[in-house]
Amino acid sequence: MFERDLRMISETRLLQMETPREPHFFKPLLPGFQSGVAIPLDFYSKHIQGAEINKPWKLRSDASDQIWEVIREGRTLTKGWKEFTEAHDLRIGDIVIFKHEGDLVFHVTPFGPSCCEIQYTHPHIVKEEADADDAPTFSYDYCFLAEVTPTNQKDDKMFLPVEAMRCGALNQQCKEVKLVNKEGKSWTVRFGFSESDGAYYISRGWRKFCRDNRCTNGDLFVFNVVGDGTTTPLLCVCPERKECTELLIKHFSRIDGSIASTSRN
């Protein structure tokens, strides 16, 4: 009897963990975020798929009594999302948490790059900022190409290009970074600098990132670095933008050139 009761309690707790009363997801805001925000696949399949496509999401926040209606196209929030971001003065590097309250009503909580909740003055929605002279300058225009290899998976260590030393979001005092995939899920990994190689590297988490994202050897990621040089940097998997495409073209051009040179020899 005791074992059966214990099993029932365990199953109940497991069910509560799998189906939270207010399921939620978070999204880091990357360049171009105002044009739309993608719903993480796992959240979409568990809580949204099958919902009426023409029924708008209703977004609310503690900053105002207003409710914003946003249209969903597939897994992307589009029409109405830009108005919400502008009203809340959301910026690249901010993180927003969507908590589903039921019937496609979401409470949205914005956090700044310091991972602290953004405070707004009332009754107007105005983001409280430091003086312009003290405001951090974000670097989000540096991208680099990373390849999944047998060696970096085995060693759980992946080196960044030497050029990353010029990125203002990174520095040798930084001890960790967050890897963020296209779905908005993040992995905290160790960040360090190798004196012998003269380059930054990430470790203690790179292998897990690759495994969780079902990577195979030879897979390529273009990471976009977001940060202000003081807070924990984000290494976000870059969407299909011009800069990312150019990096991939250069990569494959080098490979093709190397093969052609080998063939001539």
C-alpha atoms as a PDB file:
ATOM      1  CA  MET A   1       0.000   0.000   0.000  1.00  0.00           C
ATOM      2  CA  PHE A   2       2.771   2.420   0.941  1.00  0.00           C
ATOM      3  CA  GLU A   3       4.663   1.714  -2.284  1.00  0.00           C
ATOM      4  CA  ARG A   4       1.526   2.253  -4.368  1.00  0.00           C
ATOM      5  CA  ASP A   5       0.780   5.569  -2.657  1.00  0.00           C
ATOM      6  CA  LEU A   6       4.378   6.650  -3.121  1.00  0.00           C
ATOM      7  CA  ARG A   7       4.208   5.768  -6.809  1.00  0.00           C
ATOM      8  CA  MET A   8       0.966   7.738  -7.236  1.00  0.00           C
ATOM      9  CA  ILE A   9       2.521  10.780  -5.550  1.00  0.00           C
ATOM     10  CA  SER A  10       5.598  10.545  -7.791  1.00  0.00           C
ATOM     11  CA  GLU A  11       3.447  10.257 -10.922  1.00  0.00           C
ATOM     12  CA  THR A  12       1.374  13.257  -9.848  1.00  0.00           C
ATOM     13  CA  ARG A  13       4.479  15.367  -9.277  1.00  0.00           C
ATOM     14  CA  LEU A  14       5.898  14.300 -12.638  1.00  0.00           C
ATOM     15  CA  LEU A  15       2.663  15.236 -14.375  1.00  0.00           C
ATOM     16  CA  GLN A  16       2.708  18.644 -12.695  1.00  0.00           C
ATOM     17  CA  MET A  17       6.281  19.180 -13.876  1.00  0.00           C
ATOM     18  CA  GLU A  18       5.423  18.209 -17.453  1.00  0.00           C
ATOM     19  CA  THR A  19       2.235  20.259 -17.643  1.00  0.00           C
ATOM     20  CA  PRO A  20       2.749  23.475 -15.649  1.00  0.00           C
ATOM     21  CA  ARG A  21      -0.326  25.562 -14.995  1.00  0.00           C
ATOM     22  CA  GLU A  22       1.263  28.557 -16.691  1.00  0.00           C
ATOM     23  CA  PRO A  23       3.717  27.235 -19.300  1.00  0.00           C
ATOM     24  CA  HIS A  24       6.213  29.796 -20.474  1.00  0.00           C
ATOM     25  CA  PHE A  25       9.146  30.402 -22.798  1.00  0.00           C
ATOM     26  CA  PHE A  26      11.734  33.127 -23.211  1.00  0.00           C
ATOM     27  CA  LYS A  27      13.231  34.833 -26.256  1.00  0.00           C
ATOM     28  CA  PRO A  28      16.434  36.876 -26.502  1.00  0.00           C
ATOM     29  CA  LEU A  29      15.958  39.788 -28.896  1.00  0.00           C
ATOM     30  CA  LEU A  30      18.333  39.646 -31.850  1.00  0.00           C
ATOM     31  CA  PRO A  31      18.841  42.067 -34.748  1.00  0.00           C
ATOM     32  CA  GLY A  32      15.632  42.263 -36.788  1.00  0.00           C
ATOM     33  CA  PHE A  33      13.444  41.154 -33.862  1.00  0.00           C
ATOM     34  CA  GLN A  34      10.778  43.790 -34.575  1.00  0.00           C
ATOM     35  CA  SER A  35       9.738  42.056 -37.801  1.00  0.00           C
ATOM     36  CA  GLY A  36       8.613  38.975 -35.889  1.00  0.00           C
ATOM     37  CA  VAL A  37       9.471  36.551 -33.125  1.00  0.00           C
ATOM     38  CA  ALA A  38       9.548  32.758 -33.493  1.00  0.00           C
ATOM     39  CA  ILE A  39       7.813  30.520 -30.968  1.00  0.00           C
ATOM     40  CA  PRO A  40      10.119  27.708 -29.743  1.00  0.00           C
ATOM     41  CA  LEU A  41       9.224  24.433 -31.432  1.00  0.00           C
ATOM     42  CA  ASP A  42       8.887  22.464 -28.183  1.00  0.00           C
ATOM     43  CA  PHE A  43       6.502  25.035 -26.662  1.00  0.00           C
ATOM     44  CA  TYR A  44       4.547  25.306 -29.912  1.00  0.00           C
ATOM     45  CA  SER A  45       4.030  21.557 -30.271  1.00  0.00           C
ATOM     46  CA  LYS A  46       2.950  21.113 -26.640  1.00  0.00           C
ATOM     47  CA  HIS A  47       0.737  24.161 -26.122  1.00  0.00           C
ATOM     48  CA  ILE A  48      -0.093  25.968 -29.369  1.00  0.00           C
ATOM     49  CA  GLN A  49      -0.263  23.553 -32.303  1.00  0.00           C
ATOM     50  CA  GLY A  50      -3.865  22.974 -33.271  1.00  0.00           C
ATOM     51  CA  ALA A  51      -5.058  26.337 -31.939  1.00  0.00           C
ATOM     52  CA  GLU A  52      -7.175  28.453 -34.239  1.00  0.00           C
ATOM     53  CA  ILE A  53      -4.723  30.087 -36.651  1.00  0.00           C
ATOM     54  CA  ASN A  54      -6.719  33.302 -37.081  1.00  0.00           C
ATOM     55  CA  LYS A  55      -7.159  33.836 -33.354  1.00  0.00           C
ATOM     56  CA  PRO A  56      -4.720  36.554 -32.223  1.00  0.00           C
ATOM     57  CA  TRP A  57      -2.495  36.275 -29.192  1.00  0.00           C
ATOM     58  CA  LYS A  58      -3.289  38.796 -26.480  1.00  0.00           C
ATOM     59  CA  LEU A  59      -0.186  40.229 -24.843  1.00  0.00           C
ATOM     60  CA  ARG A  60      -0.240  42.140 -21.598  1.00  0.00           C
ATOM     61  CA  SER A  61       2.432  43.385 -19.201  1.00  0.00           C
ATOM     62  CA  ASP A  62       2.787  45.085 -15.842  1.00  0.00           C
ATOM     63  CA  ALA A  63       3.772  48.283 -17.611  1.00  0.00           C
ATOM     64  CA  SER A  64       0.252  49.120 -18.782  1.00  0.00           C
ATOM     65  CA  ASP A  65      -3.410  48.122 -18.622  1.00  0.00           C
ATOM     66  CA  GLN A  66      -3.467  47.933 -22.416  1.00  0.00           C
ATOM     67  CA  ILE A  67      -3.718  44.585 -24.196  1.00  0.00           C
ATOM     68  CA  TRP A  68      -1.953  44.133 -27.540  1.00  0.00           C
ATOM     69  CA  GLU A  69      -3.322  41.725 -30.122  1.00  0.00           C
ATOM     70  CA  VAL A  70      -0.661  39.992 -32.206  1.00  0.00           C
ATOM     71  CA  ILE A  71      -1.240  37.733 -35.204  1.00  0.00           C
ATOM     72  CA  ARG A  72       0.475  34.352 -35.402  1.00  0.00           C
ATOM     73  CA  GLU A  73       1.625  33.071 -38.787  1.00  0.00           C
ATOM     74  CA  GLY A  74       2.782  29.505 -38.336  1.00  0.00           C
ATOM     75  CA  ARG A  75       5.251  29.639 -35.458  1.00  0.00           C
ATOM     76  CA  THR A  76       5.959  33.356 -35.818  1.00  0.00           C
ATOM     77  CA  LEU A  77       4.275  36.335 -34.162  1.00  0.00           C
ATOM     78  CA  THR A  78       4.046  39.052 -36.807  1.00  0.00           C
ATOM     79  CA  LYS A  79       1.391  41.759 -37.186  1.00  0.00           C
ATOM     80  CA  GLY A  80       1.066  43.726 -33.969  1.00  0.00           C
ATOM     81  CA  TRP A  81       4.363  42.520 -32.491  1.00  0.00           C
ATOM     82  CA  LYS A  82       6.279  45.603 -33.673  1.00  0.00           C
ATOM     83  CA  GLU A  83       3.784  47.884 -31.924  1.00  0.00           C
ATOM     84  CA  PHE A  84       4.254  45.936 -28.691  1.00  0.00           C
ATOM     85  CA  THR A  85       8.060  46.202 -28.888  1.00  0.00           C
ATOM     86  CA  GLU A  86       7.943  49.929 -29.613  1.00  0.00           C
ATOM     87  CA  ALA A  87       5.518  50.594 -26.764  1.00  0.00           C
ATOM     88  CA  HIS A  88       7.859  48.796 -24.363  1.00  0.00           C
ATOM     89  CA  ASP A  89      11.030  50.266 -25.869  1.00  0.00           C
ATOM     90  CA  LEU A  90      12.492  46.804 -26.345  1.00  0.00           C
ATOM     91  CA  ARG A  91      16.015  46.656 -27.713  1.00  0.00           C
ATOM     92  CA  ILE A  92      18.566  44.185 -29.023  1.00  0.00           C
ATOM     93  CA  GLY A  93      19.979  42.195 -26.117  1.00  0.00           C
ATOM     94  CA  ASP A  94      16.772  42.349 -24.058  1.00  0.00           C
ATOM     95  CA  ILE A  95      15.067  39.090 -23.104  1.00  0.00           C
ATOM     96  CA  VAL A  96      11.296  38.645 -22.914  1.00  0.00           C
ATOM     97  CA  ILE A  97       9.443  35.895 -21.052  1.00  0.00           C
ATOM     98  CA  PHE A  98       6.011  34.828 -22.352  1.00  0.00           C
ATOM     99  CA  LYS A  99       3.792  33.194 -19.714  1.00  0.00           C
ATOM    100  CA  HIS A 100       0.655  31.513 -21.084  1.00  0.00           C
ATOM    101  CA  GLU A 101      -2.338  32.276 -18.888  1.00  0.00           C
ATOM    102  CA  GLY A 102      -4.766  30.365 -21.080  1.00  0.00           C
ATOM    103  CA  ASP A 103      -6.886  31.008 -24.172  1.00  0.00           C
ATOM    104  CA  LEU A 104      -3.855  32.545 -25.965  1.00  0.00           C
ATOM    105  CA  VAL A 105      -3.475  35.284 -23.354  1.00  0.00           C
ATOM    106  CA  PHE A 106       0.190  35.853 -22.467  1.00  0.00           C
ATOM    107  CA  HIS A 107       1.767  37.901 -19.727  1.00  0.00           C
ATOM    108  CA  VAL A 108       5.051  39.273 -21.078  1.00  0.00           C
ATOM    109  CA  THR A 109       7.906  40.280 -18.794  1.00  0.00           C
ATOM    110  CA  PRO A 110      10.901  42.086 -20.354  1.00  0.00           C
ATOM    111  CA  PHE A 111      14.404  41.745 -18.890  1.00  0.00           C
ATOM    112  CA  GLY A 112      17.437  43.836 -19.752  1.00  0.00           C
ATOM    113  CA  PRO A 113      20.849  42.426 -20.769  1.00  0.00           C
ATOM    114  CA  SER A 114      21.837  42.402 -17.074  1.00  0.00           C
ATOM    115  CA  CYS A 115      19.086  39.768 -16.582  1.00  0.00           C
ATOM    116  CA  CYS A 116      17.163  42.147 -14.302  1.00  0.00           C
ATOM    117  CA  GLU A 117      13.507  42.897 -14.958  1.00  0.00           C
ATOM    118  CA  ILE A 118      13.033  46.202 -16.779  1.00  0.00           C
ATOM    119  CA  GLN A 119      11.264  48.795 -14.666  1.00  0.00           C
ATOM    120  CA  TYR A 120       8.808  51.209 -16.259  1.00  0.00           C
ATOM    121  CA  THR A 121       7.401  54.485 -14.992  1.00  0.00           C
ATOM    122  CA  HIS A 122       3.639  54.895 -14.755  1.00  0.00           C
ATOM    123  CA  PRO A 123       1.189  55.739 -16.188  1.00  0.00           C
ATOM    124  CA  HIS A 124       3.230  56.059 -19.371  1.00  0.00           C
ATOM    125  CA  ILE A 125       5.353  53.231 -20.672  1.00  0.00           C
ATOM    126  CA  VAL A 126       8.835  54.667 -20.507  1.00  0.00           C
ATOM    127  CA  LYS A 127      11.847  52.444 -20.012  1.00  0.00           C
ATOM    128  CA  GLU A 128      13.994  53.653 -17.149  1.00  0.00           C
ATOM    129  CA  GLU A 129      17.529  54.132 -18.431  1.00  0.00           C
ATOM    130  CA  ALA A 130      20.794  55.366 -17.034  1.00  0.00           C
ATOM    131  CA  ASP A 131      22.166  58.680 -18.228  1.00  0.00           C
ATOM    132  CA  ALA A 132      23.253  58.624 -21.851  1.00  0.00           C
ATOM    133  CA  ASP A 133      26.906  58.939 -20.814  1.00  0.00           C
ATOM    134  CA  ASP A 134      26.601  55.840 -18.598  1.00  0.00           C
ATOM    135  CA  ALA A 135      24.517  53.709 -20.937  1.00  0.00           C
ATOM    136  CA  PRO A 136      26.313  50.558 -22.140  1.00  0.00           C
ATOM    137  CA  THR A 137      27.193  50.258 -25.800  1.00  0.00           C
ATOM    138  CA  PHE A 138      26.152  46.922 -27.227  1.00  0.00           C
ATOM    139  CA  SER A 139      28.124  45.018 -29.787  1.00  0.00           C
ATOM    140  CA  TYR A 140      25.888  42.802 -31.900  1.00  0.00           C
ATOM    141  CA  ASP A 141      27.468  43.131 -35.307  1.00  0.00           C
ATOM    142  CA  TYR A 142      30.195  40.492 -34.961  1.00  0.00           C
ATOM    143  CA  CYS A 143      29.494  37.066 -36.420  1.00  0.00           C
ATOM    144  CA  PHE A 144      31.765  34.051 -36.613  1.00  0.00           C
ATOM    145  CA  LEU A 145      31.555  30.602 -38.102  1.00  0.00           C
ATOM    146  CA  ALA A 146      31.796  27.501 -35.891  1.00  0.00           C
ATOM    147  CA  GLU A 147      32.074  23.951 -37.170  1.00  0.00           C
ATOM    148  CA  VAL A 148      31.165  20.828 -35.216  1.00  0.00           C
ATOM    149  CA  THR A 149      34.148  18.482 -35.379  1.00  0.00           C
ATOM    150  CA  PRO A 150      35.070  15.141 -33.776  1.00  0.00           C
ATOM    151  CA  THR A 151      37.909  16.863 -31.908  1.00  0.00           C
ATOM    152  CA  ASN A 152      35.973  19.769 -30.387  1.00  0.00           C
ATOM    153  CA  GLN A 153      33.157  17.434 -29.360  1.00  0.00           C
ATOM    154  CA  LYS A 154      35.570  14.959 -27.784  1.00  0.00           C
ATOM    155  CA  ASP A 155      37.510  17.720 -25.978  1.00  0.00           C
ATOM    156  CA  ASP A 156      34.310  19.662 -25.180  1.00  0.00           C
ATOM    157  CA  LYS A 157      36.197  22.736 -26.358  1.00  0.00           C
ATOM    158  CA  MET A 158      35.633  24.984 -29.365  1.00  0.00           C
ATOM    159  CA  PHE A 159      37.953  27.874 -30.336  1.00  0.00           C
ATOM    160  CA  LEU A 160      36.663  31.186 -31.637  1.00  0.00           C
ATOM    161  CA  PRO A 161      38.471  32.923 -34.507  1.00  0.00           C
ATOM    162  CA  VAL A 162      41.406  35.153 -33.533  1.00  0.00           C
ATOM    163  CA  GLU A 163      39.406  38.102 -34.899  1.00  0.00           C
ATOM    164  CA  ALA A 164      37.004  37.701 -31.956  1.00  0.00           C
ATOM    165  CA  MET A 165      39.614  39.538 -29.851  1.00  0.00           C
ATOM    166  CA  ARG A 166      38.373  42.758 -31.458  1.00  0.00           C
ATOM    167  CA  CYS A 167      34.758  42.167 -30.418  1.00  0.00           C
ATOM    168  CA  GLY A 168      33.744  44.652 -27.713  1.00  0.00           C
ATOM    169  CA  ALA A 169      31.260  42.233 -26.151  1.00  0.00           C
ATOM    170  CA  LEU A 170      34.040  39.791 -25.169  1.00  0.00           C
ATOM    171  CA  ASN A 171      36.980  40.168 -22.808  1.00  0.00           C
ATOM    172  CA  GLN A 172      39.436  37.995 -20.907  1.00  0.00           C
ATOM    173  CA  GLN A 173      37.713  38.664 -17.587  1.00  0.00           C
ATOM    174  CA  CYS A 174      34.554  36.984 -18.846  1.00  0.00           C
ATOM    175  CA  LYS A 175      34.192  33.480 -17.380  1.00  0.00           C
ATOM    176  CA  GLU A 176      31.029  32.257 -19.094  1.00  0.00           C
ATOM    177  CA  VAL A 177      28.770  32.905 -22.067  1.00  0.00           C
ATOM    178  CA  LYS A 178      25.322  31.723 -23.100  1.00  0.00           C
ATOM    179  CA  LEU A 179      24.813  29.840 -26.358  1.00  0.00           C
ATOM    180  CA  VAL A 180      21.346  30.540 -27.741  1.00  0.00           C
ATOM    181  CA  ASN A 181      19.811  28.493 -30.554  1.00  0.00           C
ATOM    182  CA  LYS A 182      17.214  29.687 -33.066  1.00  0.00           C
ATOM    183  CA  GLU A 183      14.390  28.549 -30.786  1.00  0.00           C
ATOM    184  CA  GLY A 184      15.596  30.817 -27.986  1.00  0.00           C
ATOM    185  CA  LYS A 185      16.827  28.011 -25.723  1.00  0.00           C
ATOM    186  CA  SER A 186      20.127  28.754 -23.984  1.00  0.00           C
ATOM    187  CA  TRP A 187      23.120  26.827 -22.637  1.00  0.00           C
ATOM    188  CA  THR A 188      25.603  28.341 -20.185  1.00  0.00           C
ATOM    189  CA  VAL A 189      29.170  27.346 -21.062  1.00  0.00           C
ATOM    190  CA  ARG A 190      32.608  28.203 -19.766  1.00  0.00           C
ATOM    191  CA  PHE A 191      34.483  30.961 -21.597  1.00  0.00           C
ATOM    192  CA  GLY A 192      38.245  31.357 -21.524  1.00  0.00           C
ATOM    193  CA  PHE A 193      41.345  32.642 -23.269  1.00  0.00           C
ATOM    194  CA  SER A 194      44.286  30.506 -24.398  1.00  0.00           C
ATOM    195  CA  GLU A 195      47.631  32.321 -24.148  1.00  0.00           C
ATOM    196  CA  SER A 196      49.352  29.744 -26.371  1.00  0.00           C
ATOM    197  CA  ASP A 197      46.738  29.987 -29.139  1.00  0.00           C
ATOM    198  CA  GLY A 198      45.992  33.680 -28.671  1.00  0.00           C
ATOM    199  CA  ALA A 199      42.262  33.005 -28.981  1.00  0.00           C
ATOM    200  CA  TYR A 200      39.065  32.729 -26.966  1.00  0.00           C
ATOM    201  CA  TYR A 201      37.415  29.357 -26.501  1.00  0.00           C
ATOM    202  CA  ILE A 202      34.240  27.880 -25.046  1.00  0.00           C
ATOM    203  CA  SER A 203      34.194  24.646 -23.070  1.00  0.00           C
ATOM    204  CA  ARG A 204      32.271  22.652 -20.451  1.00  0.00           C
ATOM    205  CA  GLY A 205      28.993  22.850 -22.301  1.00  0.00           C
ATOM    206  CA  TRP A 206      29.880  22.873 -26.002  1.00  0.00           C
ATOM    207  CA  ARG A 207      29.436  19.095 -26.262  1.00  0.00           C
ATOM    208  CA  LYS A 208      26.032  19.286 -24.563  1.00  0.00           C
ATOM    209  CA  PHE A 209      24.963  22.115 -26.873  1.00  0.00           C
ATOM    210  CA  CYS A 210      25.878  19.957 -29.876  1.00  0.00           C
ATOM    211  CA  ARG A 211      24.151  16.895 -28.447  1.00  0.00           C
ATOM    212  CA  ASP A 212      20.952  18.737 -27.466  1.00  0.00           C
ATOM    213  CA  ASN A 213      20.745  20.289 -30.931  1.00  0.00           C
ATOM    214  CA  ARG A 214      21.354  16.912 -32.588  1.00  0.00           C
ATOM    215  CA  CYS A 215      24.473  18.090 -34.360  1.00  0.00           C
ATOM    216  CA  THR A 216      26.673  15.850 -36.479  1.00  0.00           C
ATOM    217  CA  ASN A 217      30.301  16.342 -37.456  1.00  0.00           C
ATOM    218  CA  GLY A 218      30.568  18.930 -40.205  1.00  0.00           C
ATOM    219  CA  ASP A 219      27.526  20.937 -39.130  1.00  0.00           C
ATOM    220  CA  LEU A 220      28.073  24.699 -39.282  1.00  0.00           C
ATOM    221  CA  PHE A 221      26.776  27.443 -37.016  1.00  0.00           C
ATOM    222  CA  VAL A 222      27.039  31.167 -37.534  1.00  0.00           C
ATOM    223  CA  PHE A 223      27.027  32.796 -34.101  1.00  0.00           C
ATOM    224  CA  ASN A 224      26.090  36.425 -33.574  1.00  0.00           C
ATOM    225  CA  VAL A 225      27.714  37.935 -30.457  1.00  0.00           C
ATOM    226  CA  VAL A 226      25.506  40.169 -28.289  1.00  0.00           C
ATOM    227  CA  GLY A 227      26.811  41.987 -25.220  1.00  0.00           C
ATOM    228  CA  ASP A 228      28.128  45.186 -23.678  1.00  0.00           C
ATOM    229  CA  GLY A 229      31.484  43.983 -22.389  1.00  0.00           C
ATOM    230  CA  THR A 230      30.319  43.808 -18.770  1.00  0.00           C
ATOM    231  CA  THR A 231      27.314  41.474 -18.664  1.00  0.00           C
ATOM    232  CA  THR A 232      27.276  37.824 -19.725  1.00  0.00           C
ATOM    233  CA  PRO A 233      27.565  37.751 -23.537  1.00  0.00           C
ATOM    234  CA  LEU A 234      25.111  35.848 -25.713  1.00  0.00           C
ATOM    235  CA  LEU A 235      26.372  33.778 -28.634  1.00  0.00           C
ATOM    236  CA  CYS A 236      23.195  33.483 -30.659  1.00  0.00           C
ATOM    237  CA  VAL A 237      22.766  31.177 -33.629  1.00  0.00           C
ATOM    238  CA  CYS A 238      22.423  33.667 -36.448  1.00  0.00           C
ATOM    239  CA  PRO A 239      19.253  33.702 -38.558  1.00  0.00           C
ATOM    240  CA  GLU A 240      19.504  33.625 -42.336  1.00  0.00           C
ATOM    241  CA  ARG A 241      20.724  37.167 -42.824  1.00  0.00           C
ATOM    242  CA  LYS A 242      23.092  38.681 -45.378  1.00  0.00           C
ATOM    243  CA  GLU A 243      26.120  38.719 -43.055  1.00  0.00           C
ATOM    244  CA  CYS A 244      25.655  35.061 -42.139  1.00  0.00           C
ATOM    245  CA  THR A 245      25.206  34.021 -45.754  1.00  0.00           C
ATOM    246  CA  GLU A 246      28.417  35.815 -46.739  1.00  0.00           C
ATOM    247  CA  LEU A 247      30.367  33.947 -44.054  1.00  0.00           C
ATOM    248  CA  LEU A 248      29.079  30.617 -45.306  1.00  0.00           C
ATOM    249  CA  ILE A 249      29.885  31.499 -48.927  1.00  0.00           C
ATOM    250  CA  LYS A 250      33.455  32.439 -47.941  1.00  0.00           C
ATOM    251  CA  HIS A 251      33.801  29.195 -45.994  1.00  0.00           C
ATOM    252  CA  PHE A 252      32.737  27.009 -48.889  1.00  0.00           C
ATOM    253  CA  SER A 253      34.830  29.080 -51.310  1.00  0.00           C
ATOM    254  CA  ARG A 254      37.925  28.303 -49.231  1.00  0.00           C
ATOM    255  CA  ILE A 255      37.026  24.599 -49.235  1.00  0.00           C
ATOM    256  CA  ASP A 256      36.461  24.581 -53.006  1.00  0.00           C
ATOM    257  CA  GLY A 257      39.727  26.456 -53.537  1.00  0.00           C
ATOM    258  CA  SER A 258      41.606  23.997 -51.380  1.00  0.00           C
ATOM    259  CA  ILE A 259      40.159  21.039 -53.314  1.00  0.00           C
ATOM    260  CA  ALA A 260      40.992  22.659 -56.667  1.00  0.00           C
ATOM    261  CA  SER A 261      44.565  23.335 -55.537  1.00  0.00           C
ATOM    262  CA  THR A 262      44.952  19.723 -54.411  1.00  0.00           C
ATOM    263  CA  SER A 263      43.606  18.501 -57.740  1.00  0.00           C
ATOM    264  CA  ARG A 264      46.098  20.600 -59.721  1.00  0.00           C
ATOM    265  CA  ASN A 265      48.961  19.247 -57.658  1.00  0.00           C
END
